Amino acid sequence: MKNHSFYQYMKIRKGENSPIGGLAEHILKDPMFPKYSTEYPEVTEYLENNPYEDMPLSHFDTAFDDYLNWLQH
């Protein structure tokens, strides 16, 4: 099992032409994003309190599910 933060996972999704790629762009430009977090509640709370323009939280939910799956493989 991998031991990487959600932020580290989003680095590999940067540049994709997809909603998750767009989310990655926002996250990687955000200096206050919790870069070391691996916990859904912590990242969700941050994104709810600091929403990105035109970026629904449903994209985050999908990305976090993908992240958990990636950690297992």
PDB file of N, CA and C in Angstrom:
ATOM      1  N   MET A   1       0.839  -1.189   0.000  1.00  0.00           N
ATOM      2  CA  MET A   1       0.000   0.000   0.000  1.00  0.00           C
ATOM      3  C   MET A   1       0.878   1.244   0.000  1.00  0.00           C
ATOM      4  N   LYS A   2       0.513   2.203  -0.819  1.00  0.00           N
ATOM      5  CA  LYS A   2       1.256   3.458  -0.908  1.00  0.00           C
ATOM      6  C   LYS A   2       0.951   4.330   0.317  1.00  0.00           C
ATOM      7  N   ASN A   3       1.876   5.222   0.614  1.00  0.00           N
ATOM      8  CA  ASN A   3       1.700   6.154   1.723  1.00  0.00           C
ATOM      9  C   ASN A   3       1.939   7.574   1.202  1.00  0.00           C
ATOM     10  N   HIS A   4       0.940   8.110   0.505  1.00  0.00           N
ATOM     11  CA  HIS A   4       1.044   9.449  -0.077  1.00  0.00           C
ATOM     12  C   HIS A   4      -0.190  10.261   0.300  1.00  0.00           C
ATOM     13  N   SER A   5       0.008  11.562   0.386  1.00  0.00           N
ATOM     14  CA  SER A   5      -1.115  12.447   0.688  1.00  0.00           C
ATOM     15  C   SER A   5      -1.994  12.627  -0.544  1.00  0.00           C
ATOM     16  N   PHE A   6      -3.193  13.147  -0.307  1.00  0.00           N
ATOM     17  CA  PHE A   6      -4.098  13.452  -1.413  1.00  0.00           C
ATOM     18  C   PHE A   6      -3.453  14.478  -2.343  1.00  0.00           C
ATOM     19  N   TYR A   7      -2.762  15.450  -1.791  1.00  0.00           N
ATOM     20  CA  TYR A   7      -2.070  16.471  -2.586  1.00  0.00           C
ATOM     21  C   TYR A   7      -1.059  15.823  -3.526  1.00  0.00           C
ATOM     22  N   GLN A   8      -0.289  14.878  -3.013  1.00  0.00           N
ATOM     23  CA  GLN A   8       0.694  14.185  -3.850  1.00  0.00           C
ATOM     24  C   GLN A   8       0.005  13.433  -4.988  1.00  0.00           C
ATOM     25  N   TYR A   9      -1.131  12.821  -4.697  1.00  0.00           N
ATOM     26  CA  TYR A   9      -1.886  12.131  -5.733  1.00  0.00           C
ATOM     27  C   TYR A   9      -2.352  13.116  -6.799  1.00  0.00           C
ATOM     28  N   MET A  10      -2.821  14.275  -6.382  1.00  0.00           N
ATOM     29  CA  MET A  10      -3.320  15.249  -7.341  1.00  0.00           C
ATOM     30  C   MET A  10      -2.209  15.741  -8.269  1.00  0.00           C
ATOM     31  N   LYS A  11      -0.971  15.692  -7.827  1.00  0.00           N
ATOM     32  CA  LYS A  11       0.143  16.066  -8.703  1.00  0.00           C
ATOM     33  C   LYS A  11       0.187  15.187  -9.945  1.00  0.00           C
ATOM     34  N   ILE A  12      -0.152  13.920  -9.813  1.00  0.00           N
ATOM     35  CA  ILE A  12      -0.096  13.033 -10.980  1.00  0.00           C
ATOM     36  C   ILE A  12      -1.311  13.218 -11.885  1.00  0.00           C
ATOM     37  N   ARG A  13      -2.362  13.854 -11.371  1.00  0.00           N
ATOM     38  CA  ARG A  13      -3.572  14.094 -12.173  1.00  0.00           C
ATOM     39  C   ARG A  13      -3.535  15.452 -12.878  1.00  0.00           C
ATOM     40  N   LYS A  14      -2.565  16.286 -12.530  1.00  0.00           N
ATOM     41  CA  LYS A  14      -2.429  17.616 -13.140  1.00  0.00           C
ATOM     42  C   LYS A  14      -2.245  17.462 -14.645  1.00  0.00           C
ATOM     43  N   GLY A  15      -2.887  18.329 -15.393  1.00  0.00           N
ATOM     44  CA  GLY A  15      -2.744  18.345 -16.833  1.00  0.00           C
ATOM     45  C   GLY A  15      -3.749  17.485 -17.573  1.00  0.00           C
ATOM     46  N   GLU A  16      -4.503  16.679 -16.844  1.00  0.00           N
ATOM     47  CA  GLU A  16      -5.537  15.873 -17.485  1.00  0.00           C
ATOM     48  C   GLU A  16      -6.656  16.779 -17.993  1.00  0.00           C
ATOM     49  N   ASN A  17      -7.221  16.431 -19.113  1.00  0.00           N
ATOM     50  CA  ASN A  17      -8.364  17.164 -19.643  1.00  0.00           C
ATOM     51  C   ASN A  17      -9.628  16.520 -19.081  1.00  0.00           C
ATOM     52  N   SER A  18      -9.854  16.755 -17.794  1.00  0.00           N
ATOM     53  CA  SER A  18     -10.983  16.164 -17.089  1.00  0.00           C
ATOM     54  C   SER A  18     -11.319  17.042 -15.893  1.00  0.00           C
ATOM     55  N   PRO A  19     -12.488  16.835 -15.278  1.00  0.00           N
ATOM     56  CA  PRO A  19     -12.803  17.598 -14.070  1.00  0.00           C
ATOM     57  C   PRO A  19     -11.762  17.397 -12.969  1.00  0.00           C
ATOM     58  N   ILE A  20     -11.232  16.185 -12.846  1.00  0.00           N
ATOM     59  CA  ILE A  20     -10.227  15.937 -11.808  1.00  0.00           C
ATOM     60  C   ILE A  20      -8.923  16.663 -12.151  1.00  0.00           C
ATOM     61  N   GLY A  21      -8.584  16.718 -13.417  1.00  0.00           N
ATOM     62  CA  GLY A  21      -7.416  17.489 -13.830  1.00  0.00           C
ATOM     63  C   GLY A  21      -7.581  18.968 -13.502  1.00  0.00           C
ATOM     64  N   GLY A  22      -8.791  19.479 -13.700  1.00  0.00           N
ATOM     65  CA  GLY A  22      -9.075  20.867 -13.340  1.00  0.00           C
ATOM     66  C   GLY A  22      -8.969  21.101 -11.843  1.00  0.00           C
ATOM     67  N   LEU A  23      -9.489  20.154 -11.072  1.00  0.00           N
ATOM     68  CA  LEU A  23      -9.379  20.252  -9.616  1.00  0.00           C
ATOM     69  C   LEU A  23      -7.913  20.228  -9.200  1.00  0.00           C
ATOM     70  N   ALA A  24      -7.138  19.368  -9.823  1.00  0.00           N
ATOM     71  CA  ALA A  24      -5.704  19.293  -9.505  1.00  0.00           C
ATOM     72  C   ALA A  24      -5.034  20.638  -9.742  1.00  0.00           C
ATOM     73  N   GLU A  25      -5.375  21.292 -10.835  1.00  0.00           N
ATOM     74  CA  GLU A  25      -4.792  22.614 -11.128  1.00  0.00           C
ATOM     75  C   GLU A  25      -5.090  23.597  -9.992  1.00  0.00           C
ATOM     76  N   HIS A  26      -6.344  23.622  -9.534  1.00  0.00           N
ATOM     77  CA  HIS A  26      -6.716  24.521  -8.436  1.00  0.00           C
ATOM     78  C   HIS A  26      -5.941  24.184  -7.164  1.00  0.00           C
ATOM     79  N   ILE A  27      -5.920  22.909  -6.823  1.00  0.00           N
ATOM     80  CA  ILE A  27      -5.268  22.477  -5.583  1.00  0.00           C
ATOM     81  C   ILE A  27      -3.780  22.811  -5.609  1.00  0.00           C
ATOM     82  N   LEU A  28      -3.121  22.538  -6.713  1.00  0.00           N
ATOM     83  CA  LEU A  28      -1.678  22.749  -6.778  1.00  0.00           C
ATOM     84  C   LEU A  28      -1.296  24.222  -6.789  1.00  0.00           C
ATOM     85  N   LYS A  29      -2.234  25.097  -7.113  1.00  0.00           N
ATOM     86  CA  LYS A  29      -1.986  26.551  -7.071  1.00  0.00           C
ATOM     87  C   LYS A  29      -2.370  27.169  -5.730  1.00  0.00           C
ATOM     88  N   ASP A  30      -2.967  26.385  -4.855  1.00  0.00           N
ATOM     89  CA  ASP A  30      -3.488  26.887  -3.581  1.00  0.00           C
ATOM     90  C   ASP A  30      -2.442  26.699  -2.478  1.00  0.00           C
ATOM     91  N   PRO A  31      -1.790  27.774  -2.042  1.00  0.00           N
ATOM     92  CA  PRO A  31      -0.732  27.632  -1.037  1.00  0.00           C
ATOM     93  C   PRO A  31      -1.233  27.190   0.342  1.00  0.00           C
ATOM     94  N   MET A  32      -2.526  27.311   0.592  1.00  0.00           N
ATOM     95  CA  MET A  32      -3.064  26.962   1.908  1.00  0.00           C
ATOM     96  C   MET A  32      -3.661  25.550   1.949  1.00  0.00           C
ATOM     97  N   PHE A  33      -3.702  24.863   0.806  1.00  0.00           N
ATOM     98  CA  PHE A  33      -4.282  23.521   0.772  1.00  0.00           C
ATOM     99  C   PHE A  33      -3.524  22.613   1.742  1.00  0.00           C
ATOM    100  N   PRO A  34      -4.240  21.746   2.486  1.00  0.00           N
ATOM    101  CA  PRO A  34      -3.574  20.839   3.445  1.00  0.00           C
ATOM    102  C   PRO A  34      -2.765  19.750   2.716  1.00  0.00           C
ATOM    103  N   LYS A  35      -1.535  20.068   2.404  1.00  0.00           N
ATOM    104  CA  LYS A  35      -0.696  19.237   1.537  1.00  0.00           C
ATOM    105  C   LYS A  35      -0.358  17.856   2.100  1.00  0.00           C
ATOM    106  N   TYR A  36      -0.412  17.686   3.392  1.00  0.00           N
ATOM    107  CA  TYR A  36      -0.003  16.408   3.986  1.00  0.00           C
ATOM    108  C   TYR A  36      -1.174  15.547   4.423  1.00  0.00           C
ATOM    109  N   SER A  37      -2.372  16.001   4.148  1.00  0.00           N
ATOM    110  CA  SER A  37      -3.556  15.280   4.604  1.00  0.00           C
ATOM    111  C   SER A  37      -3.833  14.043   3.758  1.00  0.00           C
ATOM    112  N   THR A  38      -4.252  13.008   4.454  1.00  0.00           N
ATOM    113  CA  THR A  38      -4.708  11.773   3.816  1.00  0.00           C
ATOM    114  C   THR A  38      -6.161  11.503   4.203  1.00  0.00           C
ATOM    115  N   GLU A  39      -6.757  12.423   4.939  1.00  0.00           N
ATOM    116  CA  GLU A  39      -8.077  12.216   5.533  1.00  0.00           C
ATOM    117  C   GLU A  39      -9.170  12.979   4.787  1.00  0.00           C
ATOM    118  N   TYR A  40     -10.203  12.264   4.393  1.00  0.00           N
ATOM    119  CA  TYR A  40     -11.339  12.848   3.687  1.00  0.00           C
ATOM    120  C   TYR A  40     -11.967  14.006   4.463  1.00  0.00           C
ATOM    121  N   PRO A  41     -12.264  13.849   5.768  1.00  0.00           N
ATOM    122  CA  PRO A  41     -12.923  14.950   6.483  1.00  0.00           C
ATOM    123  C   PRO A  41     -12.102  16.246   6.491  1.00  0.00           C
ATOM    124  N   GLU A  42     -10.798  16.129   6.648  1.00  0.00           N
ATOM    125  CA  GLU A  42      -9.955  17.325   6.693  1.00  0.00           C
ATOM    126  C   GLU A  42      -9.951  18.050   5.345  1.00  0.00           C
ATOM    127  N   VAL A  43      -9.793  17.307   4.255  1.00  0.00           N
ATOM    128  CA  VAL A  43      -9.758  17.930   2.929  1.00  0.00           C
ATOM    129  C   VAL A  43     -11.139  18.471   2.565  1.00  0.00           C
ATOM    130  N   THR A  44     -12.189  17.725   2.878  1.00  0.00           N
ATOM    131  CA  THR A  44     -13.549  18.188   2.597  1.00  0.00           C
ATOM    132  C   THR A  44     -13.834  19.494   3.321  1.00  0.00           C
ATOM    133  N   GLU A  45     -13.494  19.549   4.583  1.00  0.00           N
ATOM    134  CA  GLU A  45     -13.735  20.772   5.354  1.00  0.00           C
ATOM    135  C   GLU A  45     -12.992  21.960   4.743  1.00  0.00           C
ATOM    136  N   TYR A  46     -11.753  21.722   4.344  1.00  0.00           N
ATOM    137  CA  TYR A  46     -10.987  22.806   3.717  1.00  0.00           C
ATOM    138  C   TYR A  46     -11.691  23.291   2.444  1.00  0.00           C
ATOM    139  N   LEU A  47     -12.090  22.354   1.592  1.00  0.00           N
ATOM    140  CA  LEU A  47     -12.717  22.735   0.327  1.00  0.00           C
ATOM    141  C   LEU A  47     -14.098  23.371   0.520  1.00  0.00           C
ATOM    142  N   GLU A  48     -14.817  22.949   1.545  1.00  0.00           N
ATOM    143  CA  GLU A  48     -16.112  23.578   1.832  1.00  0.00           C
ATOM    144  C   GLU A  48     -15.926  25.017   2.305  1.00  0.00           C
ATOM    145  N   ASN A  49     -14.869  25.247   3.078  1.00  0.00           N
ATOM    146  CA  ASN A  49     -14.604  26.586   3.604  1.00  0.00           C
ATOM    147  C   ASN A  49     -13.859  27.479   2.612  1.00  0.00           C
ATOM    148  N   ASN A  50     -13.234  26.870   1.607  1.00  0.00           N
ATOM    149  CA  ASN A  50     -12.445  27.599   0.619  1.00  0.00           C
ATOM    150  C   ASN A  50     -12.754  27.066  -0.777  1.00  0.00           C
ATOM    151  N   PRO A  51     -13.985  27.248  -1.243  1.00  0.00           N
ATOM    152  CA  PRO A  51     -14.380  26.641  -2.531  1.00  0.00           C
ATOM    153  C   PRO A  51     -13.636  27.271  -3.706  1.00  0.00           C
ATOM    154  N   TYR A  52     -13.385  26.438  -4.703  1.00  0.00           N
ATOM    155  CA  TYR A  52     -12.799  26.917  -5.950  1.00  0.00           C
ATOM    156  C   TYR A  52     -13.930  27.282  -6.898  1.00  0.00           C
ATOM    157  N   GLU A  53     -13.770  28.379  -7.592  1.00  0.00           N
ATOM    158  CA  GLU A  53     -14.800  28.858  -8.515  1.00  0.00           C
ATOM    159  C   GLU A  53     -15.069  27.818  -9.608  1.00  0.00           C
ATOM    160  N   ASP A  54     -16.335  27.568  -9.865  1.00  0.00           N
ATOM    161  CA  ASP A  54     -16.767  26.629 -10.905  1.00  0.00           C
ATOM    162  C   ASP A  54     -16.229  25.219 -10.708  1.00  0.00           C
ATOM    163  N   MET A  55     -16.042  24.801  -9.459  1.00  0.00           N
ATOM    164  CA  MET A  55     -15.521  23.473  -9.177  1.00  0.00           C
ATOM    165  C   MET A  55     -16.392  22.811  -8.107  1.00  0.00           C
ATOM    166  N   PRO A  56     -17.394  22.025  -8.532  1.00  0.00           N
ATOM    167  CA  PRO A  56     -18.280  21.382  -7.557  1.00  0.00           C
ATOM    168  C   PRO A  56     -17.540  20.358  -6.697  1.00  0.00           C
ATOM    169  N   LEU A  57     -18.009  20.208  -5.474  1.00  0.00           N
ATOM    170  CA  LEU A  57     -17.386  19.242  -4.566  1.00  0.00           C
ATOM    171  C   LEU A  57     -17.539  17.805  -5.051  1.00  0.00           C
ATOM    172  N   SER A  58     -18.475  17.556  -5.944  1.00  0.00           N
ATOM    173  CA  SER A  58     -18.617  16.201  -6.479  1.00  0.00           C
ATOM    174  C   SER A  58     -17.347  15.761  -7.207  1.00  0.00           C
ATOM    175  N   HIS A  59     -16.618  16.703  -7.799  1.00  0.00           N
ATOM    176  CA  HIS A  59     -15.343  16.360  -8.443  1.00  0.00           C
ATOM    177  C   HIS A  59     -14.336  15.891  -7.393  1.00  0.00           C
ATOM    178  N   PHE A  60     -14.361  16.544  -6.233  1.00  0.00           N
ATOM    179  CA  PHE A  60     -13.472  16.123  -5.156  1.00  0.00           C
ATOM    180  C   PHE A  60     -13.837  14.722  -4.687  1.00  0.00           C
ATOM    181  N   ASP A  61     -15.127  14.446  -4.518  1.00  0.00           N
ATOM    182  CA  ASP A  61     -15.548  13.116  -4.074  1.00  0.00           C
ATOM    183  C   ASP A  61     -15.040  12.035  -5.024  1.00  0.00           C
ATOM    184  N   THR A  62     -15.162  12.266  -6.308  1.00  0.00           N
ATOM    185  CA  THR A  62     -14.674  11.310  -7.302  1.00  0.00           C
ATOM    186  C   THR A  62     -13.159  11.173  -7.209  1.00  0.00           C
ATOM    187  N   ALA A  63     -12.473  12.295  -7.093  1.00  0.00           N
ATOM    188  CA  ALA A  63     -11.009  12.278  -7.006  1.00  0.00           C
ATOM    189  C   ALA A  63     -10.547  11.549  -5.748  1.00  0.00           C
ATOM    190  N   PHE A  64     -11.252  11.746  -4.642  1.00  0.00           N
ATOM    191  CA  PHE A  64     -10.828  11.089  -3.400  1.00  0.00           C
ATOM    192  C   PHE A  64     -11.059   9.584  -3.500  1.00  0.00           C
ATOM    193  N   ASP A  65     -12.152   9.158  -4.106  1.00  0.00           N
ATOM    194  CA  ASP A  65     -12.375   7.727  -4.340  1.00  0.00           C
ATOM    195  C   ASP A  65     -11.264   7.146  -5.208  1.00  0.00           C
ATOM    196  N   ASP A  66     -10.888   7.863  -6.261  1.00  0.00           N
ATOM    197  CA  ASP A  66      -9.792   7.423  -7.125  1.00  0.00           C
ATOM    198  C   ASP A  66      -8.480   7.348  -6.332  1.00  0.00           C
ATOM    199  N   TYR A  67      -8.243   8.329  -5.481  1.00  0.00           N
ATOM    200  CA  TYR A  67      -7.052   8.366  -4.633  1.00  0.00           C
ATOM    201  C   TYR A  67      -6.985   7.137  -3.734  1.00  0.00           C
ATOM    202  N   LEU A  68      -8.100   6.802  -3.084  1.00  0.00           N
ATOM    203  CA  LEU A  68      -8.112   5.626  -2.203  1.00  0.00           C
ATOM    204  C   LEU A  68      -7.831   4.354  -2.979  1.00  0.00           C
ATOM    205  N   ASN A  69      -8.389   4.245  -4.169  1.00  0.00           N
ATOM    206  CA  ASN A  69      -8.144   3.087  -5.023  1.00  0.00           C
ATOM    207  C   ASN A  69      -6.667   3.039  -5.441  1.00  0.00           C
ATOM    208  N   TRP A  70      -6.107   4.184  -5.795  1.00  0.00           N
ATOM    209  CA  TRP A  70      -4.700   4.281  -6.193  1.00  0.00           C
ATOM    210  C   TRP A  70      -3.779   3.845  -5.054  1.00  0.00           C
ATOM    211  N   LEU A  71      -4.131   4.228  -3.820  1.00  0.00           N
ATOM    212  CA  LEU A  71      -3.305   3.832  -2.679  1.00  0.00           C
ATOM    213  C   LEU A  71      -3.219   2.317  -2.517  1.00  0.00           C
ATOM    214  N   GLN A  72      -4.265   1.636  -2.900  1.00  0.00           N
ATOM    215  CA  GLN A  72      -4.324   0.178  -2.735  1.00  0.00           C
ATOM    216  C   GLN A  72      -3.538  -0.579  -3.805  1.00  0.00           C
ATOM    217  N   HIS A  73      -3.201   0.076  -4.913  1.00  0.00           N
ATOM    218  CA  HIS A  73      -2.531  -0.621  -6.026  1.00  0.00           C
ATOM    219  C   HIS A  73      -1.133  -0.150  -6.258  1.00  0.00           C
TER     220      HIS A  73
END
